[in-house]
Amino acid sequence: MIQKTNRFFALSIGTSLLFASCGSPTIISTPIENIDSIPLKNINLSDTELKNWNSADLITDTIPGMSVDKAYKDILKNKKGQTVIVGVIDSGVDIEHEDLDGVLWKNPKEIKGNRKDDDNNGYVDDIYGWNFLGDSENENLEYTRIVKKYKDKFKGKNLASVAAADKEDYQLYIKAKAAHEEEYQKALGNKAQYGQILQQVSASHKIVSEKIGKENYTQQEVLSVEAATPEMQQHIALLSQMFGFLDQGEYIPDFIKNISEGVTHFTEQLEYHLNVDFDGRSPVGDNVDDIADTNYGNNKVMGPNPDKKNIKHGTHVAGIIAAERNNGKGVNGIAQNVQIMSIRAVPNGDEYDKDIALAIRYAVDNGAKVINTSFGKYYTTHPEWVRDAIKYAAKKDVLIVNAAGNDAEDLDQKMVYPNDQTDNTTEIADNFITIGALNYEYGSNLVAEFSNYGKNNVDTFAPGVKIWATTPSNTYEYLQGTSMAAPAVSGVAALIRSYYPKLKASQVKQILMDSGISIPTTVIVGGNPTATQKFTELSKSGRIVNLYNALILADKMSK
């Protein structure tokens, strides 16, 4: 699922590209004093290190992972935990994936295929979870829906001419209209720009790769090609420049793939997300403004598309949490003893508040102890439904792990949904934790350039750049975003709840925040070298999540 303006999943090239202890042995937690005195890893990570960096240890490996491997080796070895159900509210999960099929939640009270609601939970044949989107896949952004809803009502009017009862709706409409117009123009320009880049780089790559004799070549090999004509000189210069936009281990075909995905993204923005004439909800058939209208959706948690096109995001999230460990395939998820409950409620576009509220309640009512919410938006029409669901989850002792977002915004200044606050200050519940994203490079570049932050509204940080995990049809890819940081923390939370089941959701949240490694260094925010802050000021805890330390603190707290 490609990131929209407010979708919490980061394009790999970024939008900045412009073309031109009791009774057991004592375990010492990772020290946080003098953390900046350790030698930094200033060489490129190997392929193996990169694929596993979110599990690395800052002290041992000098990589700012969550000390997952260390925790399994030193703390969890030979320990048995309870099974924990993790609800993944997302775009859908590939339940046929080789690295996920063994960790799926299966409703024990439902008989597969009999077309009956055997457990009387309101959902027929919900074997692996529920699909609140039905056959819908593409959607508007929320502010597009607001413009669509009010454009006729407020046409030709100003604030003075609007009835008192309508003034709040009018102001929301004006704000949404301005955002829509701005993003529509951006999408038009970006589509044209990316299309031009794609055309030029593809043409140059075709010619130069034939000269070199292979698709994947280095910058040095490009520069060694004989520039016999002015045209060849231009091809060489262009490709050499593009190497500046490549990450470690990438080649020009990867750049072309990313640019192509960018073109697709902006095309979809214009066709679906920003198109006031597009109706993505019609296949569902419900009233999105009626929370009591719950008889909709189906049990197809992989969605209606046979090629699984739009479930990459949810499949990747599920893999980060719980891909089968040590099975010789693809990737090890953070957590063992986990069952993934797949709840499809996030379309290619903005989610509906109603779907999210009902999805949270579904996960809670069917046994989830942790819920991952890797999505978000900056406009909402029924936030009270989602907040009521969050409070319902708190009452039932369920932890919600939420992605902070990918717009390099200070969430203390700009409210995002879902959240656990009504005034951007006071929390409505103690079971909701919001996660920012880390880069794998310790030091000033520690914070992912896209990550949202906020001393009051982001709780802590976790790995979110270039995360290797499951994608549909038995494939694996690097994806990045706070969408990848949140499930890493969901995995840690699930392990705490597995081995220390008496701890409450609020206690697990506090453990995640208090046991992390405090980073005193000054970091770059938003990818702008001139914009720096102390890392401790970017979240409530000022720390990065650490499984090893969390298990130690959980053990102490449980006693």
Protein backbone atom coordinates (compact mmCIF):
# COMPACT_ATOMS: atom_id res chain seq x y z
CA MET A 1 0.00 0.00 0.00
CA ILE A 2 1.66 3.19 -1.17
CA GLN A 3 1.72 6.12 1.21
CA LYS A 4 -0.88 8.81 0.66
CA THR A 5 -0.43 12.28 2.03
CA ASN A 6 -1.62 10.85 5.33
CA ARG A 7 -0.97 7.13 4.95
CA PHE A 8 1.53 5.83 7.45
CA PHE A 9 3.86 3.99 5.13
CA ALA A 10 6.94 5.64 3.60
CA LEU A 11 7.93 5.41 -0.03
CA SER A 12 11.43 4.04 -0.21
CA ILE A 13 12.74 6.99 -2.22
CA GLY A 14 10.94 9.68 -0.26
CA THR A 15 9.06 12.64 -1.67
CA SER A 16 12.04 14.97 -1.41
CA LEU A 17 13.52 13.70 -4.67
CA LEU A 18 13.75 16.52 -7.16
CA PHE A 19 15.10 15.84 -10.60
CA ALA A 20 17.64 18.41 -12.16
CA SER A 21 15.35 -11.24 39.06
CA CYS A 22 14.22 -13.19 42.17
CA GLY A 23 15.24 -16.85 42.15
CA SER A 24 17.10 -16.57 38.84
CA PRO A 25 20.53 -15.41 37.68
CA THR A 26 20.98 -11.65 37.65
CA ILE A 27 20.56 -10.14 34.19
CA ILE A 28 22.04 -6.70 33.67
CA SER A 29 20.05 -4.41 31.41
CA THR A 30 21.66 -2.64 28.50
CA PRO A 31 23.49 0.34 30.02
CA ILE A 32 22.20 3.73 29.05
CA GLU A 33 24.84 5.84 30.73
CA ASN A 34 27.58 7.04 28.39
CA ILE A 35 25.75 5.40 25.48
CA ASP A 36 27.35 7.90 23.10
CA SER A 37 30.83 6.67 24.03
CA ILE A 38 30.36 3.39 22.17
CA PRO A 39 32.01 3.13 18.75
CA LEU A 40 29.55 3.81 15.95
CA LYS A 41 29.23 1.46 13.02
CA ASN A 42 30.39 3.78 10.25
CA ILE A 43 30.51 1.16 7.51
CA ASN A 44 27.67 -0.12 5.38
CA LEU A 45 25.66 -2.93 6.92
CA SER A 46 25.97 -6.34 5.30
CA ASP A 47 22.87 -7.83 3.68
CA THR A 48 22.39 -10.12 6.68
CA GLU A 49 22.76 -7.24 9.14
CA LEU A 50 20.32 -5.06 7.21
CA LYS A 51 17.67 -7.77 7.01
CA ASN A 52 17.84 -8.29 10.75
CA TRP A 53 18.77 -4.84 12.03
CA ASN A 54 15.59 -4.29 14.05
CA SER A 55 16.64 -7.28 16.20
CA ALA A 56 20.24 -6.10 16.72
CA ASP A 57 21.76 -4.79 19.95
CA LEU A 58 23.16 -1.28 20.23
CA ILE A 59 26.05 -2.30 22.47
CA THR A 60 27.04 -5.60 20.84
CA ASP A 61 26.32 -4.71 17.22
CA THR A 62 26.42 -0.90 17.40
CA ILE A 63 23.13 -0.98 15.51
CA PRO A 64 20.09 0.67 17.21
CA GLY A 65 17.79 -2.35 17.10
CA MET A 66 15.64 -3.71 19.93
CA SER A 67 18.05 -6.38 21.29
CA VAL A 68 15.65 -9.11 20.18
CA ASP A 69 18.23 -11.78 19.40
CA LYS A 70 20.00 -11.05 22.67
CA ALA A 71 16.73 -11.41 24.58
CA TYR A 72 15.94 -14.80 23.03
CA LYS A 73 19.46 -16.01 23.75
CA ASP A 74 19.89 -14.74 27.30
CA ILE A 75 16.38 -14.42 28.74
CA LEU A 76 13.76 -16.42 26.82
CA LYS A 77 15.81 -19.54 26.16
CA ASN A 78 14.01 -22.62 27.57
CA LYS A 79 11.11 -20.48 28.81
CA LYS A 80 7.54 -21.27 27.84
CA GLY A 81 4.97 -18.56 27.39
CA GLN A 82 1.26 -18.33 26.74
CA THR A 83 -0.24 -17.77 23.31
CA VAL A 84 -1.15 -14.15 22.67
CA ILE A 85 -3.56 -13.02 19.96
CA VAL A 86 -2.51 -9.87 18.10
CA GLY A 87 -5.14 -8.10 16.06
CA VAL A 88 -3.74 -6.56 12.88
CA ILE A 89 -6.14 -3.89 11.67
CA ASP A 90 -4.82 -3.12 8.22
CA SER A 91 -5.26 -3.67 4.47
CA GLY A 92 -5.51 -7.46 4.86
CA VAL A 93 -3.07 -10.29 5.45
CA ASP A 94 -1.93 -13.03 3.06
CA ILE A 95 -3.07 -16.02 5.13
CA GLU A 96 -1.52 -18.34 2.53
CA HIS A 97 2.02 -17.01 3.02
CA GLU A 98 4.64 -19.64 3.85
CA ASP A 99 5.98 -17.60 6.77
CA LEU A 100 2.56 -16.71 8.23
CA ASP A 101 0.32 -19.72 7.71
CA GLY A 102 1.53 -21.28 10.97
CA VAL A 103 0.86 -18.23 13.14
CA LEU A 104 -2.71 -17.38 12.18
CA TRP A 105 -5.56 -17.00 14.61
CA LYS A 106 -8.41 -19.35 13.79
CA ASN A 107 -11.75 -18.76 15.44
CA PRO A 108 -12.25 -21.89 17.57
CA LYS A 109 -15.98 -21.38 17.82
CA GLU A 110 -16.68 -21.02 14.10
CA ILE A 111 -17.27 -23.88 11.66
CA LYS A 112 -15.62 -23.13 8.34
CA GLY A 113 -17.84 -22.83 5.30
CA ASN A 114 -21.24 -23.55 6.81
CA ARG A 115 -22.41 -19.96 6.25
CA LYS A 116 -23.62 -19.67 9.82
CA ASP A 117 -22.64 -17.41 12.69
CA ASP A 118 -21.79 -20.34 14.95
CA ASP A 119 -20.40 -18.25 17.81
CA ASN A 120 -23.14 -15.60 17.57
CA ASN A 121 -20.63 -12.77 17.43
CA GLY A 122 -22.41 -11.12 14.49
CA TYR A 123 -19.95 -12.27 11.83
CA VAL A 124 -20.59 -15.29 9.60
CA ASP A 125 -17.69 -17.71 9.01
CA ASP A 126 -15.12 -15.34 10.49
CA ILE A 127 -12.43 -18.00 10.59
CA TYR A 128 -9.31 -15.79 10.37
CA GLY A 129 -10.87 -12.44 11.21
CA TRP A 130 -13.17 -10.05 9.35
CA ASN A 131 -13.13 -7.88 6.24
CA PHE A 132 -14.98 -4.63 6.98
CA LEU A 133 -14.27 -3.36 3.47
CA GLY A 134 -16.08 -6.12 1.63
CA ASP A 135 -15.20 -5.89 -2.06
CA SER A 136 -14.05 -2.27 -1.79
CA GLU A 137 -10.36 -1.53 -2.41
CA ASN A 138 -9.79 2.12 -3.38
CA GLU A 139 -11.05 5.13 -1.45
CA ASN A 140 -11.08 8.91 -1.16
CA LEU A 141 -9.00 10.72 1.42
CA GLU A 142 -11.10 11.99 4.31
CA TYR A 143 -10.92 15.65 3.31
CA THR A 144 -12.08 14.69 -0.19
CA ARG A 145 -15.11 13.02 1.35
CA ILE A 146 -15.78 16.14 3.42
CA VAL A 147 -15.62 18.35 0.31
CA LYS A 148 -17.94 15.95 -1.51
CA LYS A 149 -20.41 15.92 1.40
CA TYR A 150 -20.72 19.69 1.83
CA LYS A 151 -19.88 21.27 -1.52
CA ASP A 152 -23.51 21.69 -2.63
CA LYS A 153 -24.74 22.76 0.79
CA PHE A 154 -22.18 25.53 1.15
CA LYS A 155 -21.78 26.57 -2.46
CA GLY A 156 -21.59 30.38 -2.75
CA LYS A 157 -21.81 30.90 1.02
CA ASN A 158 -19.49 32.50 3.54
CA LEU A 159 -19.27 32.19 7.31
CA ALA A 160 -21.58 35.15 7.88
CA SER A 161 -24.34 33.70 5.69
CA VAL A 162 -24.27 30.22 7.21
CA ALA A 163 -26.76 29.27 9.91
CA ALA A 164 -25.33 29.12 13.42
CA ALA A 165 -25.94 25.38 13.62
CA ASP A 166 -23.88 24.86 10.44
CA LYS A 167 -20.88 27.06 11.22
CA GLU A 168 -18.71 24.24 12.57
CA ASP A 169 -19.41 22.08 9.49
CA TYR A 170 -18.74 25.07 7.22
CA GLN A 171 -15.36 25.73 8.81
CA LEU A 172 -14.42 22.05 8.46
CA TYR A 173 -15.49 22.21 4.80
CA ILE A 174 -13.37 25.30 4.09
CA LYS A 175 -10.33 23.74 5.73
CA ALA A 176 -10.81 20.46 3.86
CA LYS A 177 -11.38 22.28 0.56
CA ALA A 178 -8.11 24.17 0.90
CA ALA A 179 -6.19 20.97 1.70
CA HIS A 180 -7.83 19.17 -1.23
CA GLU A 181 -6.98 21.90 -3.74
CA GLU A 182 -3.37 22.07 -2.55
CA GLU A 183 -2.83 18.30 -2.70
CA TYR A 184 -4.55 17.98 -6.06
CA GLN A 185 -2.14 20.46 -7.62
CA LYS A 186 0.81 18.72 -5.97
CA ALA A 187 -0.32 15.36 -7.30
CA LEU A 188 -0.62 16.75 -10.83
CA GLY A 189 2.88 18.21 -10.69
CA ASN A 190 4.45 15.17 -9.03
CA LYS A 191 2.91 12.75 -11.49
CA ALA A 192 4.34 14.74 -14.40
CA GLN A 193 7.73 15.09 -12.72
CA TYR A 194 8.04 11.42 -11.77
CA GLY A 195 6.82 10.41 -15.21
CA GLN A 196 9.58 12.48 -16.81
CA ILE A 197 12.21 11.01 -14.50
CA LEU A 198 10.97 7.48 -15.23
CA GLN A 199 11.07 8.03 -18.98
CA GLN A 200 14.54 9.54 -19.03
CA VAL A 201 16.19 7.15 -16.58
CA SER A 202 14.62 4.09 -18.23
CA ALA A 203 15.91 5.17 -21.64
CA SER A 204 19.41 5.86 -20.32
CA HIS A 205 19.49 2.59 -18.38
CA LYS A 206 18.53 0.58 -21.47
CA ILE A 207 21.38 2.03 -23.50
CA VAL A 208 24.06 1.95 -20.78
CA SER A 209 23.18 -1.53 -19.48
CA GLU A 210 23.58 -2.89 -23.02
CA LYS A 211 27.01 -1.29 -23.20
CA ILE A 212 28.07 -2.70 -19.83
CA GLY A 213 26.44 -6.06 -20.44
CA LYS A 214 24.37 -6.36 -17.27
CA GLU A 215 21.36 -4.82 -15.54
CA ASN A 216 22.96 -4.18 -12.15
CA TYR A 217 26.08 -2.07 -12.38
CA THR A 218 28.00 0.29 -10.14
CA GLN A 219 28.48 4.01 -10.53
CA GLN A 220 32.13 3.38 -11.35
CA GLU A 221 31.13 1.05 -14.17
CA VAL A 222 28.84 3.75 -15.57
CA LEU A 223 31.64 6.30 -15.50
CA SER A 224 33.96 3.86 -17.27
CA VAL A 225 31.65 3.64 -20.32
CA GLU A 226 33.10 5.42 -23.33
CA ALA A 227 31.23 8.67 -23.92
CA ALA A 228 31.61 8.67 -27.71
CA THR A 229 28.68 11.01 -28.39
CA PRO A 230 26.98 13.90 -26.60
CA GLU A 231 23.93 11.68 -26.13
CA MET A 232 26.02 9.01 -24.37
CA GLN A 233 27.58 11.69 -22.22
CA GLN A 234 24.09 12.73 -21.11
CA HIS A 235 23.07 9.12 -20.34
CA ILE A 236 26.21 8.58 -18.26
CA ALA A 237 25.81 11.87 -16.39
CA LEU A 238 22.14 11.18 -15.64
CA LEU A 239 22.68 7.66 -14.32
CA SER A 240 25.69 8.73 -12.30
CA GLN A 241 23.54 11.39 -10.66
CA MET A 242 20.81 8.86 -9.82
CA PHE A 243 23.22 6.80 -7.73
CA GLY A 244 22.96 9.57 -5.17
CA PHE A 245 19.35 8.54 -4.53
CA LEU A 246 20.08 4.84 -4.02
CA ASP A 247 20.24 3.12 -0.67
CA GLN A 248 22.83 0.53 0.22
CA GLY A 249 22.60 -2.53 -2.01
CA GLU A 250 20.37 -0.86 -4.61
CA TYR A 251 20.96 -0.42 -8.34
CA ILE A 252 19.37 1.62 -11.12
CA PRO A 253 16.61 -1.00 -11.74
CA ASP A 254 15.60 -0.53 -8.09
CA PHE A 255 15.49 3.23 -8.66
CA ILE A 256 13.30 2.71 -11.75
CA LYS A 257 10.99 0.45 -9.74
CA ASN A 258 10.65 3.07 -7.00
CA ILE A 259 9.99 5.86 -9.47
CA SER A 260 7.41 3.68 -11.23
CA GLU A 261 5.69 3.11 -7.89
CA GLY A 262 5.75 6.87 -7.40
CA VAL A 263 3.98 7.40 -10.72
CA THR A 264 1.39 4.80 -9.69
CA HIS A 265 0.95 6.51 -6.33
CA PHE A 266 0.26 9.94 -7.80
CA THR A 267 -1.97 8.43 -10.46
CA GLU A 268 -4.03 6.73 -7.76
CA GLN A 269 -4.18 9.99 -5.84
CA LEU A 270 -5.77 11.68 -8.83
CA GLU A 271 -8.05 8.79 -9.76
CA TYR A 272 -9.20 7.75 -6.30
CA HIS A 273 -7.94 9.69 -3.30
CA LEU A 274 -8.62 13.22 -4.56
CA ASN A 275 -11.40 12.51 -7.04
CA VAL A 276 -14.68 13.90 -5.70
CA ASP A 277 -16.58 11.95 -8.36
CA PHE A 278 -15.20 8.59 -7.23
CA ASP A 279 -17.26 6.45 -4.84
CA GLY A 280 -15.23 3.62 -3.37
CA ARG A 281 -17.76 2.63 -0.74
CA SER A 282 -20.63 1.57 -2.98
CA PRO A 283 -19.59 -2.13 -3.10
CA VAL A 284 -19.93 -2.31 0.70
CA GLY A 285 -23.54 -1.16 0.88
CA ASP A 286 -23.65 0.22 4.43
CA ASN A 287 -24.31 3.66 5.87
CA VAL A 288 -20.90 4.97 6.94
CA ASP A 289 -22.55 7.59 9.17
CA ASP A 290 -24.47 5.00 11.20
CA ILE A 291 -22.37 3.13 13.75
CA ALA A 292 -25.32 0.85 14.46
CA ASP A 293 -25.33 -0.42 10.85
CA THR A 294 -22.97 -3.36 11.43
CA ASN A 295 -24.31 -5.98 9.04
CA TYR A 296 -21.71 -5.57 6.30
CA GLY A 297 -18.38 -6.93 5.11
CA ASN A 298 -17.32 -10.55 4.73
CA ASN A 299 -14.75 -13.09 5.89
CA LYS A 300 -12.34 -12.58 2.96
CA VAL A 301 -9.44 -11.10 4.94
CA MET A 302 -7.25 -11.07 1.82
CA GLY A 303 -9.75 -8.86 0.02
CA PRO A 304 -11.39 -9.36 -3.38
CA ASN A 305 -8.31 -9.04 -5.59
CA PRO A 306 -6.89 -12.45 -6.64
CA ASP A 307 -3.41 -10.97 -7.20
CA LYS A 308 -3.37 -9.73 -3.57
CA LYS A 309 -2.36 -6.32 -4.87
CA ASN A 310 -3.61 -4.23 -1.97
CA ILE A 311 -2.66 -6.42 1.01
CA LYS A 312 1.11 -5.86 0.90
CA HIS A 313 1.02 -3.42 3.79
CA GLY A 314 -0.94 -5.67 6.16
CA THR A 315 1.10 -8.72 5.20
CA HIS A 316 4.34 -6.88 5.92
CA VAL A 317 3.04 -5.67 9.28
CA ALA A 318 1.96 -9.18 10.26
CA GLY A 319 5.38 -10.56 9.32
CA ILE A 320 7.24 -8.02 11.43
CA ILE A 321 5.18 -9.05 14.43
CA ALA A 322 5.13 -12.80 14.10
CA ALA A 323 6.58 -14.39 10.95
CA GLU A 324 7.46 -17.95 11.97
CA ARG A 325 10.78 -17.98 13.78
CA ASN A 326 13.61 -20.33 12.86
CA ASN A 327 11.72 -22.15 10.12
CA GLY A 328 14.47 -21.57 7.56
CA LYS A 329 12.30 -19.18 5.54
CA GLY A 330 12.32 -15.45 4.82
CA VAL A 331 12.37 -13.67 8.15
CA ASN A 332 11.98 -14.14 11.88
CA GLY A 333 9.14 -12.14 13.38
CA ILE A 334 9.77 -10.32 16.65
CA ALA A 335 7.43 -12.52 18.68
CA GLN A 336 6.87 -16.20 19.20
CA ASN A 337 3.73 -17.60 20.87
CA VAL A 338 1.61 -15.25 18.75
CA GLN A 339 -1.50 -15.74 16.64
CA ILE A 340 -2.30 -13.05 14.07
CA MET A 341 -5.95 -12.02 13.81
CA SER A 342 -6.45 -10.35 10.43
CA ILE A 343 -8.95 -7.51 10.30
CA ARG A 344 -9.26 -5.75 6.97
CA ALA A 345 -10.37 -2.14 7.50
CA VAL A 346 -7.76 0.05 5.77
CA PRO A 347 -8.35 0.67 2.04
CA ASN A 348 -6.11 2.22 -0.58
CA GLY A 349 -7.10 5.65 0.64
CA ASP A 350 -8.35 6.83 4.03
CA GLU A 351 -10.04 4.49 6.46
CA TYR A 352 -13.55 5.17 7.75
CA ASP A 353 -13.94 5.90 11.46
CA LYS A 354 -16.79 3.44 11.62
CA ASP A 355 -14.70 0.56 10.26
CA ILE A 356 -11.86 1.27 12.67
CA ALA A 357 -14.15 1.51 15.69
CA LEU A 358 -15.85 -1.76 14.84
CA ALA A 359 -12.53 -3.42 13.99
CA ILE A 360 -11.11 -2.54 17.41
CA ARG A 361 -14.21 -3.90 19.10
CA TYR A 362 -14.05 -7.06 16.98
CA ALA A 363 -10.44 -7.69 17.99
CA VAL A 364 -11.21 -7.09 21.67
CA ASP A 365 -14.32 -9.27 21.71
CA ASN A 366 -12.52 -12.15 20.01
CA GLY A 367 -9.57 -12.37 22.35
CA ALA A 368 -6.83 -10.05 21.09
CA LYS A 369 -4.55 -8.74 23.86
CA VAL A 370 -2.56 -6.48 21.52
CA ILE A 371 -3.92 -4.53 18.53
CA ASN A 372 -1.67 -2.98 15.87
CA THR A 373 -2.95 0.15 14.10
CA SER A 374 -0.50 1.18 11.36
CA PHE A 375 -2.63 3.86 9.69
CA GLY A 376 -3.89 7.36 10.26
CA LYS A 377 -5.26 10.58 8.85
CA TYR A 378 -5.46 14.27 9.73
CA TYR A 379 -9.19 14.74 9.14
CA THR A 380 -12.05 12.87 10.77
CA THR A 381 -15.83 13.03 10.93
CA HIS A 382 -16.62 10.58 13.75
CA PRO A 383 -13.60 10.54 16.09
CA GLU A 384 -15.84 9.82 19.08
CA TRP A 385 -16.59 6.33 17.70
CA VAL A 386 -12.91 5.44 17.61
CA ARG A 387 -12.21 6.97 21.01
CA ASP A 388 -15.09 5.00 22.51
CA ALA A 389 -13.58 1.86 21.00
CA ILE A 390 -10.17 2.72 22.48
CA LYS A 391 -11.78 3.14 25.91
CA TYR A 392 -13.61 -0.15 25.40
CA ALA A 393 -10.29 -1.83 24.69
CA ALA A 394 -8.82 -0.26 27.83
CA LYS A 395 -11.70 -1.58 29.90
CA LYS A 396 -11.04 -5.06 28.51
CA ASP A 397 -7.27 -4.80 29.14
CA VAL A 398 -6.15 -4.65 25.50
CA LEU A 399 -3.07 -2.67 24.39
CA ILE A 400 -3.24 -0.67 21.15
CA VAL A 401 0.07 0.06 19.40
CA ASN A 402 -0.28 2.95 16.96
CA ALA A 403 1.93 4.35 14.18
CA ALA A 404 2.81 8.04 14.59
CA GLY A 405 2.80 8.88 10.86
CA ASN A 406 5.20 9.75 8.07
CA ASP A 407 4.98 13.47 7.42
CA ALA A 408 7.78 14.72 9.71
CA GLU A 409 5.11 16.61 11.66
CA ASP A 410 5.16 17.64 15.31
CA LEU A 411 2.02 15.94 16.59
CA ASP A 412 1.92 18.31 19.54
CA GLN A 413 1.03 20.95 16.95
CA LYS A 414 -1.00 18.90 14.47
CA MET A 415 -3.54 16.32 15.58
CA VAL A 416 -3.66 12.96 13.86
CA TYR A 417 -6.33 10.25 14.02
CA PRO A 418 -6.66 7.80 15.65
CA ASN A 419 -5.31 9.15 18.91
CA ASP A 420 -6.06 8.88 22.60
CA GLN A 421 -6.57 12.59 23.25
CA THR A 422 -9.38 15.03 22.71
CA ASP A 423 -7.38 18.23 23.17
CA ASN A 424 -3.93 17.05 22.04
CA THR A 425 -2.88 17.03 25.69
CA THR A 426 -5.08 14.93 27.97
CA GLU A 427 -5.19 11.16 27.42
CA ILE A 428 -8.57 9.43 27.44
CA ALA A 429 -7.10 5.98 28.20
CA ASP A 430 -3.88 4.34 29.39
CA ASN A 431 -3.74 1.52 26.82
CA PHE A 432 -2.74 3.44 23.67
CA ILE A 433 0.94 3.87 22.72
CA THR A 434 2.14 5.83 19.68
CA ILE A 435 5.40 4.92 17.95
CA GLY A 436 7.88 6.98 15.89
CA ALA A 437 10.40 5.45 13.46
CA LEU A 438 14.16 4.96 13.79
CA ASN A 439 16.85 4.72 11.14
CA TYR A 440 19.50 1.98 11.37
CA GLU A 441 22.31 4.55 11.59
CA TYR A 442 23.06 5.51 15.18
CA GLY A 443 23.98 9.15 15.70
CA SER A 444 22.53 12.35 14.25
CA ASN A 445 20.60 10.39 11.58
CA LEU A 446 18.94 8.12 14.13
CA VAL A 447 15.39 9.40 13.52
CA ALA A 448 13.80 8.43 10.21
CA GLU A 449 13.54 11.57 8.10
CA PHE A 450 9.83 10.94 7.50
CA SER A 451 8.81 10.17 11.09
CA ASN A 452 6.30 12.28 12.98
CA TYR A 453 7.31 13.15 16.53
CA GLY A 454 6.01 14.99 19.59
CA LYS A 455 7.09 15.36 23.20
CA ASN A 456 3.52 14.82 24.35
CA ASN A 457 1.87 12.84 21.54
CA VAL A 458 4.52 10.29 20.52
CA ASP A 459 5.42 7.86 23.29
CA THR A 460 8.58 6.19 22.04
CA PHE A 461 10.54 5.14 18.94
CA ALA A 462 11.36 1.82 17.24
CA PRO A 463 13.03 0.62 14.01
CA GLY A 464 11.15 1.73 10.89
CA VAL A 465 13.61 2.24 8.01
CA LYS A 466 14.29 -0.55 5.49
CA ILE A 467 12.54 -3.34 7.37
CA TRP A 468 12.67 -6.77 5.74
CA ALA A 469 9.44 -8.75 6.12
CA THR A 470 6.73 -10.77 4.40
CA THR A 471 4.87 -9.56 1.32
CA PRO A 472 2.12 -11.38 -0.61
CA SER A 473 2.57 -14.66 -2.48
CA ASN A 474 5.56 -15.96 -0.49
CA THR A 475 7.72 -12.91 -1.21
CA TYR A 476 9.71 -10.58 1.04
CA GLU A 477 10.59 -6.91 0.69
CA TYR A 478 12.12 -3.94 2.45
CA LEU A 479 9.45 -1.42 3.37
CA GLN A 480 9.66 1.55 5.68
CA GLY A 481 7.49 3.86 7.69
CA THR A 482 6.14 4.24 11.19
CA SER A 483 3.86 1.48 9.93
CA MET A 484 6.88 -0.80 10.34
CA ALA A 485 7.91 0.64 13.71
CA ALA A 486 4.53 0.03 15.35
CA PRO A 487 4.41 -3.75 14.65
CA ALA A 488 7.95 -4.10 15.98
CA VAL A 489 6.61 -2.75 19.28
CA SER A 490 3.49 -4.90 18.99
CA GLY A 491 5.82 -7.89 18.83
CA VAL A 492 7.65 -6.77 21.98
CA ALA A 493 4.32 -6.13 23.74
CA ALA A 494 3.05 -9.57 22.73
CA LEU A 495 6.15 -11.22 24.21
CA ILE A 496 5.68 -9.35 27.49
CA ARG A 497 2.05 -10.46 27.62
CA SER A 498 3.06 -14.01 26.73
CA TYR A 499 5.63 -14.46 29.50
CA TYR A 500 4.06 -12.12 32.06
CA PRO A 501 0.31 -12.55 31.45
CA LYS A 502 -0.74 -10.99 34.77
CA LEU A 503 0.59 -7.58 33.74
CA LYS A 504 -2.12 -5.17 32.60
CA ALA A 505 -2.12 -3.34 29.27
CA SER A 506 -1.33 -0.08 31.05
CA GLN A 507 1.65 -1.72 32.75
CA VAL A 508 2.94 -3.10 29.45
CA LYS A 509 2.73 0.39 27.95
CA GLN A 510 4.71 1.81 30.86
CA ILE A 511 7.31 -0.96 30.56
CA LEU A 512 7.78 -0.25 26.85
CA MET A 513 8.40 3.41 27.62
CA ASP A 514 10.45 3.12 30.82
CA SER A 515 12.72 0.25 29.78
CA GLY A 516 13.88 1.72 26.49
CA ILE A 517 17.35 3.11 25.94
CA SER A 518 17.53 6.85 26.52
CA ILE A 519 19.42 8.58 23.73
CA PRO A 520 21.03 11.90 24.76
CA THR A 521 22.32 12.81 21.33
CA THR A 522 21.09 15.63 19.08
CA VAL A 523 19.37 14.35 15.93
CA ILE A 524 18.20 15.66 12.59
CA VAL A 525 14.43 16.04 12.32
CA GLY A 526 12.57 15.75 9.03
CA GLY A 527 15.74 15.04 7.05
CA ASN A 528 16.75 18.72 7.28
CA PRO A 529 20.32 19.03 8.62
CA THR A 530 19.56 22.53 9.89
CA ALA A 531 16.61 21.26 11.95
CA THR A 532 18.01 19.46 14.97
CA GLN A 533 16.64 18.58 18.39
CA LYS A 534 17.63 16.51 21.36
CA PHE A 535 16.26 13.02 20.81
CA THR A 536 14.85 13.09 24.33
CA GLU A 537 12.52 15.92 23.27
CA LEU A 538 10.90 14.03 20.39
CA SER A 539 8.76 11.67 22.45
CA LYS A 540 7.24 11.37 25.88
CA SER A 541 9.75 8.73 26.99
CA GLY A 542 12.77 10.06 25.08
CA ARG A 543 13.76 6.43 24.52
CA ILE A 544 13.97 3.66 21.92
CA VAL A 545 12.16 0.38 22.61
CA ASN A 546 14.36 -2.48 23.80
CA LEU A 547 13.01 -6.00 24.26
CA TYR A 548 15.89 -7.15 26.45
CA ASN A 549 15.37 -4.36 28.96
CA ALA A 550 11.57 -4.64 28.73
CA LEU A 551 11.64 -8.28 29.79
CA ILE A 552 13.86 -7.44 32.76
CA LEU A 553 11.52 -4.67 33.89
CA ALA A 554 8.46 -6.87 33.26
CA ASP A 555 9.97 -9.57 35.46
CA LYS A 556 10.54 -7.07 38.27
CA MET A 557 7.11 -5.52 37.91
CA SER A 558 5.37 -8.90 37.89
CA LYS A 559 6.89 -9.67 41.30
